[in-house]
Amino acid sequence: MYYLWSNLDFLVHVLHQFQRSMCNWCRTCVRSSIGDMDDFSVKVGLHQGSALNPYLFDLIIDVLTREVKEEPPWTMMFADDFVLCDDKREGVEEKLEEWRKVTEERGLKVSRKKTEYMAFNQESTGSIRMQDYELKKVTSFKYLGTTMSGNGELEDEVKRIQAGWRNWKRLSRVLCDKRLSASKKGKVFKAAV
């Protein structure tokens, strides 16, 4: 099985333009005890971290990629990253070309430098290309915080989980100590996390 993942450049720019256009008509005024100020337009748009950002992003990308997106695990998306899977190298290459055409027709760009591929539990012959650009082959990649390895091992994940438990054991002595106040525990937690 082959996995390919990439990043859609300029999608953040498209989302930002969409958000700004939503706020072009917004006006407000300041009221005080001595009266109202003249109204003025709001030109900021949605701030980074706004609760609307993920929803708007998903809405836009869903519409833009509707014709090429498949059910998981064949296509997986999170934010501006996507993973394409297929049993054959040629299949991944064909899917990537479809994604490239569809996204570039809509003003987005599949990043050639950030796009990588991995052969899972098999020897890979040949390489994967996007147009004339040969993509980088890797033996593992990280997706949504989990490291996937081409040989199927989870050694990196086991180490990460073990480190988390070790740190929790160290902190739990302080966080569960009845003699310490909640504010002191909070300070320790903020400093550690």
C-alpha atoms as a PDB file:
ATOM      1  CA  MET A   1       0.000   0.000   0.000  1.00  0.00           C
ATOM      2  CA  TYR A   2       1.264   3.498  -0.835  1.00  0.00           C
ATOM      3  CA  TYR A   3       0.590   6.628   1.194  1.00  0.00           C
ATOM      4  CA  LEU A   4       1.080  10.125  -0.114  1.00  0.00           C
ATOM      5  CA  TRP A   5       0.440  13.292   1.829  1.00  0.00           C
ATOM      6  CA  SER A   6       0.653  16.912   0.957  1.00  0.00           C
ATOM      7  CA  ASN A   7      -0.209  20.437   1.954  1.00  0.00           C
ATOM      8  CA  LEU A   8      -2.447  22.803   0.021  1.00  0.00           C
ATOM      9  CA  ASP A   9      -0.578  26.098  -0.266  1.00  0.00           C
ATOM     10  CA  PHE A  10      -2.541  29.304  -0.556  1.00  0.00           C
ATOM     11  CA  LEU A  11      -5.635  27.778   1.061  1.00  0.00           C
ATOM     12  CA  VAL A  12      -5.079  29.986   4.066  1.00  0.00           C
ATOM     13  CA  HIS A  13      -4.990  32.950   1.669  1.00  0.00           C
ATOM     14  CA  VAL A  14      -8.312  31.885   0.090  1.00  0.00           C
ATOM     15  CA  LEU A  15      -9.895  31.459   3.518  1.00  0.00           C
ATOM     16  CA  HIS A  16      -8.592  34.852   4.623  1.00  0.00           C
ATOM     17  CA  GLN A  17     -10.059  36.517   1.513  1.00  0.00           C
ATOM     18  CA  PHE A  18     -13.395  34.809   2.176  1.00  0.00           C
ATOM     19  CA  GLN A  19     -13.394  35.981   5.790  1.00  0.00           C
ATOM     20  CA  ARG A  20     -12.513  39.550   4.808  1.00  0.00           C
ATOM     21  CA  SER A  21     -15.306  39.643   2.244  1.00  0.00           C
ATOM     22  CA  MET A  22     -17.754  38.522   4.944  1.00  0.00           C
ATOM     23  CA  CYS A  23     -16.857  41.583   7.025  1.00  0.00           C
ATOM     24  CA  ASN A  24     -16.862  44.245   4.288  1.00  0.00           C
ATOM     25  CA  TRP A  25     -20.375  45.301   5.161  1.00  0.00           C
ATOM     26  CA  CYS A  26     -19.917  45.308   8.983  1.00  0.00           C
ATOM     27  CA  ARG A  27     -20.326  48.643  10.745  1.00  0.00           C
ATOM     28  CA  THR A  28     -20.470  49.505  14.434  1.00  0.00           C
ATOM     29  CA  CYS A  29     -20.435  52.466  16.806  1.00  0.00           C
ATOM     30  CA  VAL A  30     -19.366  53.150  20.378  1.00  0.00           C
ATOM     31  CA  ARG A  31     -21.998  54.149  22.948  1.00  0.00           C
ATOM     32  CA  SER A  32     -21.150  55.987  26.111  1.00  0.00           C
ATOM     33  CA  SER A  33     -22.941  57.973  28.803  1.00  0.00           C
ATOM     34  CA  ILE A  34     -22.442  61.180  26.811  1.00  0.00           C
ATOM     35  CA  GLY A  35     -23.809  59.778  23.539  1.00  0.00           C
ATOM     36  CA  ASP A  36     -23.033  57.693  20.478  1.00  0.00           C
ATOM     37  CA  MET A  37     -19.987  58.113  18.250  1.00  0.00           C
ATOM     38  CA  ASP A  38     -20.335  58.114  14.478  1.00  0.00           C
ATOM     39  CA  ASP A  39     -20.465  54.573  13.087  1.00  0.00           C
ATOM     40  CA  PHE A  40     -17.384  53.096  11.426  1.00  0.00           C
ATOM     41  CA  SER A  41     -16.639  49.996   9.369  1.00  0.00           C
ATOM     42  CA  VAL A  42     -15.035  46.888  10.867  1.00  0.00           C
ATOM     43  CA  LYS A  43     -12.152  45.742   8.649  1.00  0.00           C
ATOM     44  CA  VAL A  44     -10.429  43.114  10.795  1.00  0.00           C
ATOM     45  CA  GLY A  45     -12.337  39.946   9.825  1.00  0.00           C
ATOM     46  CA  LEU A  46     -12.053  36.739  11.819  1.00  0.00           C
ATOM     47  CA  HIS A  47      -9.106  36.522  14.163  1.00  0.00           C
ATOM     48  CA  GLN A  48      -6.732  33.591  14.206  1.00  0.00           C
ATOM     49  CA  GLY A  49      -8.156  31.107  16.679  1.00  0.00           C
ATOM     50  CA  SER A  50     -11.745  32.131  15.986  1.00  0.00           C
ATOM     51  CA  ALA A  51     -14.237  29.313  16.496  1.00  0.00           C
ATOM     52  CA  LEU A  52     -15.542  29.925  12.959  1.00  0.00           C
ATOM     53  CA  ASN A  53     -12.185  29.291  11.220  1.00  0.00           C
ATOM     54  CA  PRO A  54     -12.249  25.453  11.227  1.00  0.00           C
ATOM     55  CA  TYR A  55     -15.876  25.369  10.129  1.00  0.00           C
ATOM     56  CA  LEU A  56     -15.335  27.806   7.256  1.00  0.00           C
ATOM     57  CA  PHE A  57     -12.174  25.999   6.192  1.00  0.00           C
ATOM     58  CA  ASP A  58     -13.910  22.593   6.139  1.00  0.00           C
ATOM     59  CA  LEU A  59     -16.859  24.052   4.255  1.00  0.00           C
ATOM     60  CA  ILE A  60     -14.642  25.562   1.557  1.00  0.00           C
ATOM     61  CA  ILE A  61     -12.309  22.578   1.121  1.00  0.00           C
ATOM     62  CA  ASP A  62     -15.226  20.138   1.034  1.00  0.00           C
ATOM     63  CA  VAL A  63     -16.784  21.964  -1.894  1.00  0.00           C
ATOM     64  CA  LEU A  64     -13.481  22.469  -3.723  1.00  0.00           C
ATOM     65  CA  THR A  65     -12.435  18.795  -3.570  1.00  0.00           C
ATOM     66  CA  ARG A  66     -15.844  17.098  -3.813  1.00  0.00           C
ATOM     67  CA  GLU A  67     -15.185  15.465  -7.185  1.00  0.00           C
ATOM     68  CA  VAL A  68     -11.847  13.818  -6.230  1.00  0.00           C
ATOM     69  CA  LYS A  69     -12.303  13.008  -2.556  1.00  0.00           C
ATOM     70  CA  GLU A  70     -12.849   9.350  -1.625  1.00  0.00           C
ATOM     71  CA  GLU A  71     -13.948   7.715   1.610  1.00  0.00           C
ATOM     72  CA  PRO A  72     -11.325   7.094   4.326  1.00  0.00           C
ATOM     73  CA  PRO A  73      -8.803   5.495   4.359  1.00  0.00           C
ATOM     74  CA  TRP A  74      -8.305   6.181   0.625  1.00  0.00           C
ATOM     75  CA  THR A  75      -8.459   9.954   1.182  1.00  0.00           C
ATOM     76  CA  MET A  76      -7.929  11.579   4.575  1.00  0.00           C
ATOM     77  CA  MET A  77      -7.874  15.299   5.243  1.00  0.00           C
ATOM     78  CA  PHE A  78      -7.105  17.477   8.213  1.00  0.00           C
ATOM     79  CA  ALA A  79      -6.875  21.228   7.794  1.00  0.00           C
ATOM     80  CA  ASP A  80      -4.733  21.848   4.688  1.00  0.00           C
ATOM     81  CA  ASP A  81      -3.060  18.429   4.731  1.00  0.00           C
ATOM     82  CA  PHE A  82      -4.308  15.440   2.805  1.00  0.00           C
ATOM     83  CA  VAL A  83      -3.320  11.766   2.539  1.00  0.00           C
ATOM     84  CA  LEU A  84      -3.986   9.652  -0.554  1.00  0.00           C
ATOM     85  CA  CYS A  85      -3.752   5.847  -0.347  1.00  0.00           C
ATOM     86  CA  ASP A  86      -3.760   3.129  -2.961  1.00  0.00           C
ATOM     87  CA  ASP A  87      -2.549  -0.456  -3.383  1.00  0.00           C
ATOM     88  CA  LYS A  88      -0.301   0.488  -6.301  1.00  0.00           C
ATOM     89  CA  ARG A  89       2.232   3.235  -6.920  1.00  0.00           C
ATOM     90  CA  GLU A  90       0.557   4.094 -10.219  1.00  0.00           C
ATOM     91  CA  GLY A  91      -2.788   4.504  -8.449  1.00  0.00           C
ATOM     92  CA  VAL A  92      -1.351   7.070  -6.026  1.00  0.00           C
ATOM     93  CA  GLU A  93       0.283   8.905  -8.916  1.00  0.00           C
ATOM     94  CA  GLU A  94      -3.053   9.056 -10.812  1.00  0.00           C
ATOM     95  CA  LYS A  95      -4.931  10.271  -7.716  1.00  0.00           C
ATOM     96  CA  LEU A  96      -2.318  12.931  -7.078  1.00  0.00           C
ATOM     97  CA  GLU A  97      -2.618  14.183 -10.648  1.00  0.00           C
ATOM     98  CA  GLU A  98      -6.428  14.392 -10.265  1.00  0.00           C
ATOM     99  CA  TRP A  99      -6.023  16.356  -7.006  1.00  0.00           C
ATOM    100  CA  ARG A 100      -3.441  18.630  -8.595  1.00  0.00           C
ATOM    101  CA  LYS A 101      -5.698  19.445 -11.546  1.00  0.00           C
ATOM    102  CA  VAL A 102      -8.803  20.049  -9.427  1.00  0.00           C
ATOM    103  CA  THR A 103      -7.071  22.214  -6.830  1.00  0.00           C
ATOM    104  CA  GLU A 104      -5.056  24.256  -9.326  1.00  0.00           C
ATOM    105  CA  GLU A 105      -8.188  24.902 -11.416  1.00  0.00           C
ATOM    106  CA  ARG A 106      -9.624  26.502  -8.285  1.00  0.00           C
ATOM    107  CA  GLY A 107      -6.605  28.668  -7.508  1.00  0.00           C
ATOM    108  CA  LEU A 108      -4.951  26.391  -4.936  1.00  0.00           C
ATOM    109  CA  LYS A 109      -1.591  24.705  -5.268  1.00  0.00           C
ATOM    110  CA  VAL A 110      -0.345  21.309  -4.133  1.00  0.00           C
ATOM    111  CA  SER A 111       3.074  21.976  -2.629  1.00  0.00           C
ATOM    112  CA  ARG A 112       5.746  20.054  -4.531  1.00  0.00           C
ATOM    113  CA  LYS A 113       8.356  20.532  -1.787  1.00  0.00           C
ATOM    114  CA  LYS A 114       6.093  19.389   1.060  1.00  0.00           C
ATOM    115  CA  THR A 115       4.555  16.417  -0.754  1.00  0.00           C
ATOM    116  CA  GLU A 116       6.112  13.069   0.219  1.00  0.00           C
ATOM    117  CA  TYR A 117       5.271   9.404  -0.219  1.00  0.00           C
ATOM    118  CA  MET A 118       5.867   6.140   1.591  1.00  0.00           C
ATOM    119  CA  ALA A 119       5.512   2.492   0.581  1.00  0.00           C
ATOM    120  CA  PHE A 120       3.865   0.560   3.416  1.00  0.00           C
ATOM    121  CA  ASN A 121       5.049  -3.028   4.114  1.00  0.00           C
ATOM    122  CA  GLN A 122       6.461  -3.559   0.630  1.00  0.00           C
ATOM    123  CA  GLU A 123       9.433  -2.810  -1.552  1.00  0.00           C
ATOM    124  CA  SER A 124       8.940   0.195  -3.755  1.00  0.00           C
ATOM    125  CA  THR A 125      10.054   0.167  -7.353  1.00  0.00           C
ATOM    126  CA  GLY A 126      10.218   3.432  -9.206  1.00  0.00           C
ATOM    127  CA  SER A 127       9.267   6.806  -7.851  1.00  0.00           C
ATOM    128  CA  ILE A 128       6.165   8.964  -7.724  1.00  0.00           C
ATOM    129  CA  ARG A 129       6.103  12.102  -9.814  1.00  0.00           C
ATOM    130  CA  MET A 130       3.849  15.111  -9.944  1.00  0.00           C
ATOM    131  CA  GLN A 131       4.174  16.409 -13.479  1.00  0.00           C
ATOM    132  CA  ASP A 132       7.970  16.567 -13.934  1.00  0.00           C
ATOM    133  CA  TYR A 133       8.802  16.824 -10.238  1.00  0.00           C
ATOM    134  CA  GLU A 134      10.013  13.669  -8.450  1.00  0.00           C
ATOM    135  CA  LEU A 135       8.535  13.476  -4.949  1.00  0.00           C
ATOM    136  CA  LYS A 136      10.605  12.687  -1.881  1.00  0.00           C
ATOM    137  CA  LYS A 137      10.336   9.106  -0.579  1.00  0.00           C
ATOM    138  CA  VAL A 138      10.356   8.673   3.219  1.00  0.00           C
ATOM    139  CA  THR A 139      10.325   5.690   5.582  1.00  0.00           C
ATOM    140  CA  SER A 140       7.923   7.294   8.086  1.00  0.00           C
ATOM    141  CA  PHE A 141       5.699  10.327   8.466  1.00  0.00           C
ATOM    142  CA  LYS A 142       3.718  12.071  11.152  1.00  0.00           C
ATOM    143  CA  TYR A 143      -0.008  12.636  10.647  1.00  0.00           C
ATOM    144  CA  LEU A 144      -2.227  14.105  13.377  1.00  0.00           C
ATOM    145  CA  GLY A 145       0.477  13.492  15.975  1.00  0.00           C
ATOM    146  CA  THR A 146       0.970   9.808  15.161  1.00  0.00           C
ATOM    147  CA  THR A 147       4.129   8.570  13.464  1.00  0.00           C
ATOM    148  CA  MET A 148       3.433   5.988  10.777  1.00  0.00           C
ATOM    149  CA  SER A 149       6.318   3.798   9.699  1.00  0.00           C
ATOM    150  CA  GLY A 150       6.695   2.066   6.349  1.00  0.00           C
ATOM    151  CA  ASN A 151       7.586  -1.235   8.032  1.00  0.00           C
ATOM    152  CA  GLY A 152       4.494  -1.156  10.265  1.00  0.00           C
ATOM    153  CA  GLU A 153       6.400  -0.745  13.537  1.00  0.00           C
ATOM    154  CA  LEU A 154       5.145   1.563  16.281  1.00  0.00           C
ATOM    155  CA  GLU A 155       8.411   1.996  18.157  1.00  0.00           C
ATOM    156  CA  ASP A 156       8.306   5.822  18.007  1.00  0.00           C
ATOM    157  CA  GLU A 157       4.722   5.856  19.277  1.00  0.00           C
ATOM    158  CA  VAL A 158       5.542   3.507  22.154  1.00  0.00           C
ATOM    159  CA  LYS A 159       8.464   5.752  23.180  1.00  0.00           C
ATOM    160  CA  ARG A 160       6.239   8.844  23.039  1.00  0.00           C
ATOM    161  CA  ILE A 161       3.555   7.216  25.198  1.00  0.00           C
ATOM    162  CA  GLN A 162       6.138   5.926  27.683  1.00  0.00           C
ATOM    163  CA  ALA A 163       7.632   9.421  28.015  1.00  0.00           C
ATOM    164  CA  GLY A 164       4.152  10.821  28.672  1.00  0.00           C
ATOM    165  CA  TRP A 165       3.491   8.289  31.439  1.00  0.00           C
ATOM    166  CA  ARG A 166       6.907   8.946  33.004  1.00  0.00           C
ATOM    167  CA  ASN A 167       6.217  12.661  33.129  1.00  0.00           C
ATOM    168  CA  TRP A 168       2.705  12.109  34.487  1.00  0.00           C
ATOM    169  CA  LYS A 169       4.108   9.964  37.322  1.00  0.00           C
ATOM    170  CA  ARG A 170       6.544  12.749  38.228  1.00  0.00           C
ATOM    171  CA  LEU A 171       3.873  15.439  38.171  1.00  0.00           C
ATOM    172  CA  SER A 172       1.136  13.403  39.847  1.00  0.00           C
ATOM    173  CA  ARG A 173       3.049  13.430  43.148  1.00  0.00           C
ATOM    174  CA  VAL A 174       2.738  17.205  43.232  1.00  0.00           C
ATOM    175  CA  LEU A 175      -0.698  17.528  41.629  1.00  0.00           C
ATOM    176  CA  CYS A 176      -2.253  14.950  43.980  1.00  0.00           C
ATOM    177  CA  ASP A 177      -0.577  16.253  47.162  1.00  0.00           C
ATOM    178  CA  LYS A 178      -3.346  17.367  49.557  1.00  0.00           C
ATOM    179  CA  ARG A 179      -0.959  19.714  51.379  1.00  0.00           C
ATOM    180  CA  LEU A 180      -0.523  22.022  48.345  1.00  0.00           C
ATOM    181  CA  SER A 181      -3.103  24.657  47.473  1.00  0.00           C
ATOM    182  CA  ALA A 182      -4.967  24.557  44.166  1.00  0.00           C
ATOM    183  CA  SER A 183      -3.259  27.758  43.002  1.00  0.00           C
ATOM    184  CA  LYS A 184       0.223  26.261  43.559  1.00  0.00           C
ATOM    185  CA  LYS A 185      -0.824  23.095  41.712  1.00  0.00           C
ATOM    186  CA  GLY A 186      -2.099  25.276  38.883  1.00  0.00           C
ATOM    187  CA  LYS A 187       1.245  27.099  38.649  1.00  0.00           C
ATOM    188  CA  VAL A 188       3.139  23.790  38.544  1.00  0.00           C
ATOM    189  CA  PHE A 189       0.781  22.465  35.861  1.00  0.00           C
ATOM    190  CA  LYS A 190       1.143  25.617  33.707  1.00  0.00           C
ATOM    191  CA  ALA A 191       4.925  25.493  34.021  1.00  0.00           C
ATOM    192  CA  ALA A 192       5.057  21.794  33.037  1.00  0.00           C
ATOM    193  CA  VAL A 193       2.505  21.855  30.248  1.00  0.00           C
END
